[in-house]
Amino acid sequence: MSAPASSRGVVLMGLVVLLALCGLAAVNFAESAVTARQREREVQLLWVGQQFRQAFESYYRATPGPVKHLPVTLDELVRDSRFPNPVRHLRKIYPDPIQPDVPWGILKRGNQIIGVYSQADGMPLRRASFAPGLESFEGATQYSAWRFMFVPRAATGPVPPAPARTAVPSASPTAATP
């Protein structure tokens, strides 16, 4: 026995509505998963950037003698051979968590490296409530504006607005986990 045509139409319409709702739920889930991954990468970028900043400061303070200086290459942070036993200011050259295959941008003063930054042009989700020392990141519209640098007090002055962009290969293509 077949059902009347009107009841078949209602069932078909119910299935179409159910499929549309399932599709909407899938799109919302995908968007929230992408947002969660981006937030996680931002947290990693802030951690890795702070590791670099602290390594620059450690290198500077460990410089023997009265004339202090900063490294010329990032490798010097991993293996500082100015001492009889090499010193490690940074465990390894961490890759950029936002774009692991793209090298860090390098901020220089003369031939000395004062900082690093991500070369990613994406828009950060986080725009406020940064840790002390990172207040300059507030309102940034690109990750490349997040500059992790150490400028010694004796050498304070205006940081060049358009620093030399030097590409440095990452140590590994995987993102570092703090």
C-alpha atoms as a PDB file:
ATOM      1  CA  MET A   1       0.000   0.000   0.000  1.00  0.00           C
ATOM      2  CA  SER A   2       1.341   3.381  -0.924  1.00  0.00           C
ATOM      3  CA  ALA A   3       1.095   6.502   1.179  1.00  0.00           C
ATOM      4  CA  PRO A   4      -0.800   9.472  -0.150  1.00  0.00           C
ATOM      5  CA  ALA A   5       1.252  11.927  -2.239  1.00  0.00           C
ATOM      6  CA  SER A   6       0.887  14.714   0.341  1.00  0.00           C
ATOM      7  CA  SER A   7       2.504  12.645   3.126  1.00  0.00           C
ATOM      8  CA  ARG A   8       5.432  11.718   0.852  1.00  0.00           C
ATOM      9  CA  GLY A   9       5.968  15.407   0.150  1.00  0.00           C
ATOM     10  CA  VAL A  10       6.024  16.232   3.863  1.00  0.00           C
ATOM     11  CA  VAL A  11       8.597  13.507   4.532  1.00  0.00           C
ATOM     12  CA  LEU A  12      10.742  14.708   1.625  1.00  0.00           C
ATOM     13  CA  MET A  13      10.509  18.305   2.834  1.00  0.00           C
ATOM     14  CA  GLY A  14      11.498  17.174   6.351  1.00  0.00           C
ATOM     15  CA  LEU A  15      14.582  15.420   4.938  1.00  0.00           C
ATOM     16  CA  VAL A  16      15.610  18.543   3.002  1.00  0.00           C
ATOM     17  CA  VAL A  17      15.300  20.671   6.159  1.00  0.00           C
ATOM     18  CA  LEU A  18      17.264  18.080   8.162  1.00  0.00           C
ATOM     19  CA  LEU A  19      20.053  18.028   5.554  1.00  0.00           C
ATOM     20  CA  ALA A  20      20.201  21.838   5.541  1.00  0.00           C
ATOM     21  CA  LEU A  21      20.515  21.911   9.341  1.00  0.00           C
ATOM     22  CA  CYS A  22      23.253  19.245   9.257  1.00  0.00           C
ATOM     23  CA  GLY A  23      25.142  21.280   6.651  1.00  0.00           C
ATOM     24  CA  LEU A  24      24.872  24.420   8.766  1.00  0.00           C
ATOM     25  CA  ALA A  25      26.136  22.555  11.825  1.00  0.00           C
ATOM     26  CA  ALA A  26      29.095  21.176   9.840  1.00  0.00           C
ATOM     27  CA  VAL A  27      30.044  24.659   8.587  1.00  0.00           C
ATOM     28  CA  ASN A  28      29.867  26.096  12.125  1.00  0.00           C
ATOM     29  CA  PHE A  29      32.014  23.252  13.463  1.00  0.00           C
ATOM     30  CA  ALA A  30      34.624  23.755  10.732  1.00  0.00           C
ATOM     31  CA  GLU A  31      34.790  27.506  11.413  1.00  0.00           C
ATOM     32  CA  SER A  32      35.245  26.997  15.139  1.00  0.00           C
ATOM     33  CA  ALA A  33      37.951  24.367  14.543  1.00  0.00           C
ATOM     34  CA  VAL A  34      39.877  26.762  12.274  1.00  0.00           C
ATOM     35  CA  THR A  35      39.536  29.574  14.828  1.00  0.00           C
ATOM     36  CA  ALA A  36      40.730  27.304  17.649  1.00  0.00           C
ATOM     37  CA  ARG A  37      43.786  26.270  15.590  1.00  0.00           C
ATOM     38  CA  GLN A  38      44.596  29.916  14.833  1.00  0.00           C
ATOM     39  CA  ARG A  39      44.342  30.837  18.536  1.00  0.00           C
ATOM     40  CA  GLU A  40      46.654  27.939  19.393  1.00  0.00           C
ATOM     41  CA  ARG A  41      49.206  29.115  16.820  1.00  0.00           C
ATOM     42  CA  GLU A  42      49.013  32.663  18.196  1.00  0.00           C
ATOM     43  CA  VAL A  43      49.769  31.384  21.703  1.00  0.00           C
ATOM     44  CA  GLN A  44      52.739  29.427  20.298  1.00  0.00           C
ATOM     45  CA  LEU A  45      53.960  32.485  18.383  1.00  0.00           C
ATOM     46  CA  LEU A  46      53.873  34.594  21.547  1.00  0.00           C
ATOM     47  CA  TRP A  47      55.772  31.905  23.494  1.00  0.00           C
ATOM     48  CA  VAL A  48      58.408  31.339  20.799  1.00  0.00           C
ATOM     49  CA  GLY A  49      58.826  35.080  20.262  1.00  0.00           C
ATOM     50  CA  GLN A  50      59.413  35.596  23.977  1.00  0.00           C
ATOM     51  CA  GLN A  51      62.013  32.795  23.923  1.00  0.00           C
ATOM     52  CA  PHE A  52      63.876  34.654  21.179  1.00  0.00           C
ATOM     53  CA  ARG A  53      63.623  37.979  23.021  1.00  0.00           C
ATOM     54  CA  GLN A  54      64.961  36.422  26.225  1.00  0.00           C
ATOM     55  CA  ALA A  55      67.769  34.741  24.267  1.00  0.00           C
ATOM     56  CA  PHE A  56      68.824  38.092  22.755  1.00  0.00           C
ATOM     57  CA  GLU A  57      68.899  39.613  26.232  1.00  0.00           C
ATOM     58  CA  SER A  58      70.852  36.649  27.653  1.00  0.00           C
ATOM     59  CA  TYR A  59      73.390  36.852  24.813  1.00  0.00           C
ATOM     60  CA  TYR A  60      73.823  40.589  25.347  1.00  0.00           C
ATOM     61  CA  ARG A  61      74.266  40.301  29.121  1.00  0.00           C
ATOM     62  CA  ALA A  62      76.697  37.376  28.780  1.00  0.00           C
ATOM     63  CA  THR A  63      79.008  39.315  26.455  1.00  0.00           C
ATOM     64  CA  PRO A  64      82.409  39.400  28.139  1.00  0.00           C
ATOM     65  CA  GLY A  65      84.039  42.766  28.687  1.00  0.00           C
ATOM     66  CA  PRO A  66      82.605  46.262  28.931  1.00  0.00           C
ATOM     67  CA  VAL A  67      81.478  46.530  25.286  1.00  0.00           C
ATOM     68  CA  LYS A  68      78.281  44.506  24.929  1.00  0.00           C
ATOM     69  CA  HIS A  69      76.818  43.371  21.620  1.00  0.00           C
ATOM     70  CA  LEU A  70      74.100  41.214  20.111  1.00  0.00           C
ATOM     71  CA  PRO A  71      74.460  38.209  17.784  1.00  0.00           C
ATOM     72  CA  VAL A  72      75.108  38.509  14.070  1.00  0.00           C
ATOM     73  CA  THR A  73      73.307  35.220  13.274  1.00  0.00           C
ATOM     74  CA  LEU A  74      70.502  33.340  15.007  1.00  0.00           C
ATOM     75  CA  ASP A  75      72.786  30.299  15.253  1.00  0.00           C
ATOM     76  CA  GLU A  76      74.873  32.216  17.805  1.00  0.00           C
ATOM     77  CA  LEU A  77      71.890  32.067  20.172  1.00  0.00           C
ATOM     78  CA  VAL A  78      71.947  28.266  20.027  1.00  0.00           C
ATOM     79  CA  ARG A  79      75.738  27.916  20.254  1.00  0.00           C
ATOM     80  CA  ASP A  80      77.557  30.920  21.680  1.00  0.00           C
ATOM     81  CA  SER A  81      81.213  30.016  21.105  1.00  0.00           C
ATOM     82  CA  ARG A  82      82.664  33.125  22.773  1.00  0.00           C
ATOM     83  CA  PHE A  83      83.397  31.012  25.858  1.00  0.00           C
ATOM     84  CA  PRO A  84      85.604  27.928  26.457  1.00  0.00           C
ATOM     85  CA  ASN A  85      82.422  25.867  26.845  1.00  0.00           C
ATOM     86  CA  PRO A  86      79.766  27.015  24.366  1.00  0.00           C
ATOM     87  CA  VAL A  87      76.697  28.623  25.968  1.00  0.00           C
ATOM     88  CA  ARG A  88      73.123  28.023  24.792  1.00  0.00           C
ATOM     89  CA  HIS A  89      70.878  31.070  25.069  1.00  0.00           C
ATOM     90  CA  LEU A  90      68.158  29.342  23.031  1.00  0.00           C
ATOM     91  CA  ARG A  91      67.469  25.594  22.941  1.00  0.00           C
ATOM     92  CA  LYS A  92      66.928  25.576  19.177  1.00  0.00           C
ATOM     93  CA  ILE A  93      65.886  27.892  16.368  1.00  0.00           C
ATOM     94  CA  TYR A  94      62.137  27.467  16.623  1.00  0.00           C
ATOM     95  CA  PRO A  95      60.131  27.667  13.398  1.00  0.00           C
ATOM     96  CA  ASP A  96      57.430  30.290  12.996  1.00  0.00           C
ATOM     97  CA  PRO A  97      54.211  28.673  14.348  1.00  0.00           C
ATOM     98  CA  ILE A  98      52.004  30.661  11.960  1.00  0.00           C
ATOM     99  CA  GLN A  99      53.950  29.740   8.797  1.00  0.00           C
ATOM    100  CA  PRO A 100      56.390  26.914   9.632  1.00  0.00           C
ATOM    101  CA  ASP A 101      57.803  26.803   6.090  1.00  0.00           C
ATOM    102  CA  VAL A 102      58.561  30.530   5.938  1.00  0.00           C
ATOM    103  CA  PRO A 103      61.728  31.822   7.631  1.00  0.00           C
ATOM    104  CA  TRP A 104      61.650  34.406  10.396  1.00  0.00           C
ATOM    105  CA  GLY A 105      61.944  38.054   9.506  1.00  0.00           C
ATOM    106  CA  ILE A 106      65.071  39.536  11.091  1.00  0.00           C
ATOM    107  CA  LEU A 107      65.316  42.965  12.724  1.00  0.00           C
ATOM    108  CA  LYS A 108      68.832  44.390  12.642  1.00  0.00           C
ATOM    109  CA  ARG A 109      70.653  47.385  13.999  1.00  0.00           C
ATOM    110  CA  GLY A 110      73.829  47.610  11.990  1.00  0.00           C
ATOM    111  CA  ASN A 111      75.005  44.028  11.564  1.00  0.00           C
ATOM    112  CA  GLN A 112      73.603  42.873  14.927  1.00  0.00           C
ATOM    113  CA  ILE A 113      70.246  41.123  15.232  1.00  0.00           C
ATOM    114  CA  ILE A 114      67.913  42.820  17.713  1.00  0.00           C
ATOM    115  CA  GLY A 115      64.780  40.758  17.043  1.00  0.00           C
ATOM    116  CA  VAL A 116      62.597  38.498  14.951  1.00  0.00           C
ATOM    117  CA  TYR A 117      59.063  38.628  13.608  1.00  0.00           C
ATOM    118  CA  SER A 118      56.688  36.363  11.720  1.00  0.00           C
ATOM    119  CA  GLN A 119      56.416  37.192   8.045  1.00  0.00           C
ATOM    120  CA  ALA A 120      52.745  36.131   8.072  1.00  0.00           C
ATOM    121  CA  ASP A 121      50.362  38.776   6.809  1.00  0.00           C
ATOM    122  CA  GLY A 122      47.282  37.176   8.411  1.00  0.00           C
ATOM    123  CA  MET A 123      45.098  39.145  10.807  1.00  0.00           C
ATOM    124  CA  PRO A 124      45.569  38.159  14.470  1.00  0.00           C
ATOM    125  CA  LEU A 125      42.522  37.162  16.472  1.00  0.00           C
ATOM    126  CA  ARG A 126      44.098  38.560  19.630  1.00  0.00           C
ATOM    127  CA  ARG A 127      44.205  42.334  19.637  1.00  0.00           C
ATOM    128  CA  ALA A 128      44.378  43.283  23.340  1.00  0.00           C
ATOM    129  CA  SER A 129      45.392  42.110  26.818  1.00  0.00           C
ATOM    130  CA  PHE A 130      48.978  41.225  26.005  1.00  0.00           C
ATOM    131  CA  ALA A 131      51.562  40.371  28.652  1.00  0.00           C
ATOM    132  CA  PRO A 132      53.782  43.160  29.995  1.00  0.00           C
ATOM    133  CA  GLY A 133      56.414  44.086  27.433  1.00  0.00           C
ATOM    134  CA  LEU A 134      54.136  43.193  24.514  1.00  0.00           C
ATOM    135  CA  GLU A 135      51.786  46.167  24.772  1.00  0.00           C
ATOM    136  CA  SER A 136      52.938  47.393  21.348  1.00  0.00           C
ATOM    137  CA  PHE A 137      51.125  44.405  19.787  1.00  0.00           C
ATOM    138  CA  GLU A 138      47.714  45.838  20.726  1.00  0.00           C
ATOM    139  CA  GLY A 139      45.667  46.770  17.706  1.00  0.00           C
ATOM    140  CA  ALA A 140      48.091  45.123  15.239  1.00  0.00           C
ATOM    141  CA  THR A 141      46.388  44.140  11.995  1.00  0.00           C
ATOM    142  CA  GLN A 142      49.049  41.639  10.858  1.00  0.00           C
ATOM    143  CA  TYR A 143      51.230  39.052  12.586  1.00  0.00           C
ATOM    144  CA  SER A 144      54.250  40.690  10.961  1.00  0.00           C
ATOM    145  CA  ALA A 145      53.656  43.696  13.256  1.00  0.00           C
ATOM    146  CA  TRP A 146      54.381  41.517  16.304  1.00  0.00           C
ATOM    147  CA  ARG A 147      58.076  42.334  16.751  1.00  0.00           C
ATOM    148  CA  PHE A 148      59.986  40.299  19.372  1.00  0.00           C
ATOM    149  CA  MET A 149      63.100  42.308  20.070  1.00  0.00           C
ATOM    150  CA  PHE A 150      65.585  43.272  22.710  1.00  0.00           C
ATOM    151  CA  VAL A 151      66.959  46.786  22.571  1.00  0.00           C
ATOM    152  CA  PRO A 152      69.605  47.447  25.250  1.00  0.00           C
ATOM    153  CA  ARG A 153      68.901  50.468  27.441  1.00  0.00           C
ATOM    154  CA  ALA A 154      72.189  52.129  26.510  1.00  0.00           C
ATOM    155  CA  ALA A 155      71.283  51.812  22.844  1.00  0.00           C
ATOM    156  CA  THR A 156      67.704  53.004  23.115  1.00  0.00           C
ATOM    157  CA  GLY A 157      66.524  55.277  20.423  1.00  0.00           C
ATOM    158  CA  PRO A 158      64.102  55.039  17.593  1.00  0.00           C
ATOM    159  CA  VAL A 159      63.944  51.556  16.118  1.00  0.00           C
ATOM    160  CA  PRO A 160      64.162  51.765  12.358  1.00  0.00           C
ATOM    161  CA  PRO A 161      60.578  51.767  11.025  1.00  0.00           C
ATOM    162  CA  ALA A 162      61.445  49.568   8.030  1.00  0.00           C
ATOM    163  CA  PRO A 163      64.100  47.119   9.233  1.00  0.00           C
ATOM    164  CA  ALA A 164      66.042  44.991   6.809  1.00  0.00           C
ATOM    165  CA  ARG A 165      64.016  41.863   6.040  1.00  0.00           C
ATOM    166  CA  THR A 166      66.374  38.935   6.015  1.00  0.00           C
ATOM    167  CA  ALA A 167      65.110  35.398   5.549  1.00  0.00           C
ATOM    168  CA  VAL A 168      66.482  32.747   7.892  1.00  0.00           C
ATOM    169  CA  PRO A 169      65.676  29.079   7.331  1.00  0.00           C
ATOM    170  CA  SER A 170      63.769  27.361  10.126  1.00  0.00           C
ATOM    171  CA  ALA A 171      65.390  24.529  12.066  1.00  0.00           C
ATOM    172  CA  SER A 172      62.493  22.160  11.433  1.00  0.00           C
ATOM    173  CA  PRO A 173      59.178  22.373   9.592  1.00  0.00           C
ATOM    174  CA  THR A 174      57.123  21.357  12.624  1.00  0.00           C
ATOM    175  CA  ALA A 175      55.647  23.893  14.986  1.00  0.00           C
ATOM    176  CA  ALA A 176      57.202  24.095  18.439  1.00  0.00           C
ATOM    177  CA  THR A 177      55.085  23.322  21.417  1.00  0.00           C
ATOM    178  CA  PRO A 178      55.704  25.328  24.568  1.00  0.00           C
END
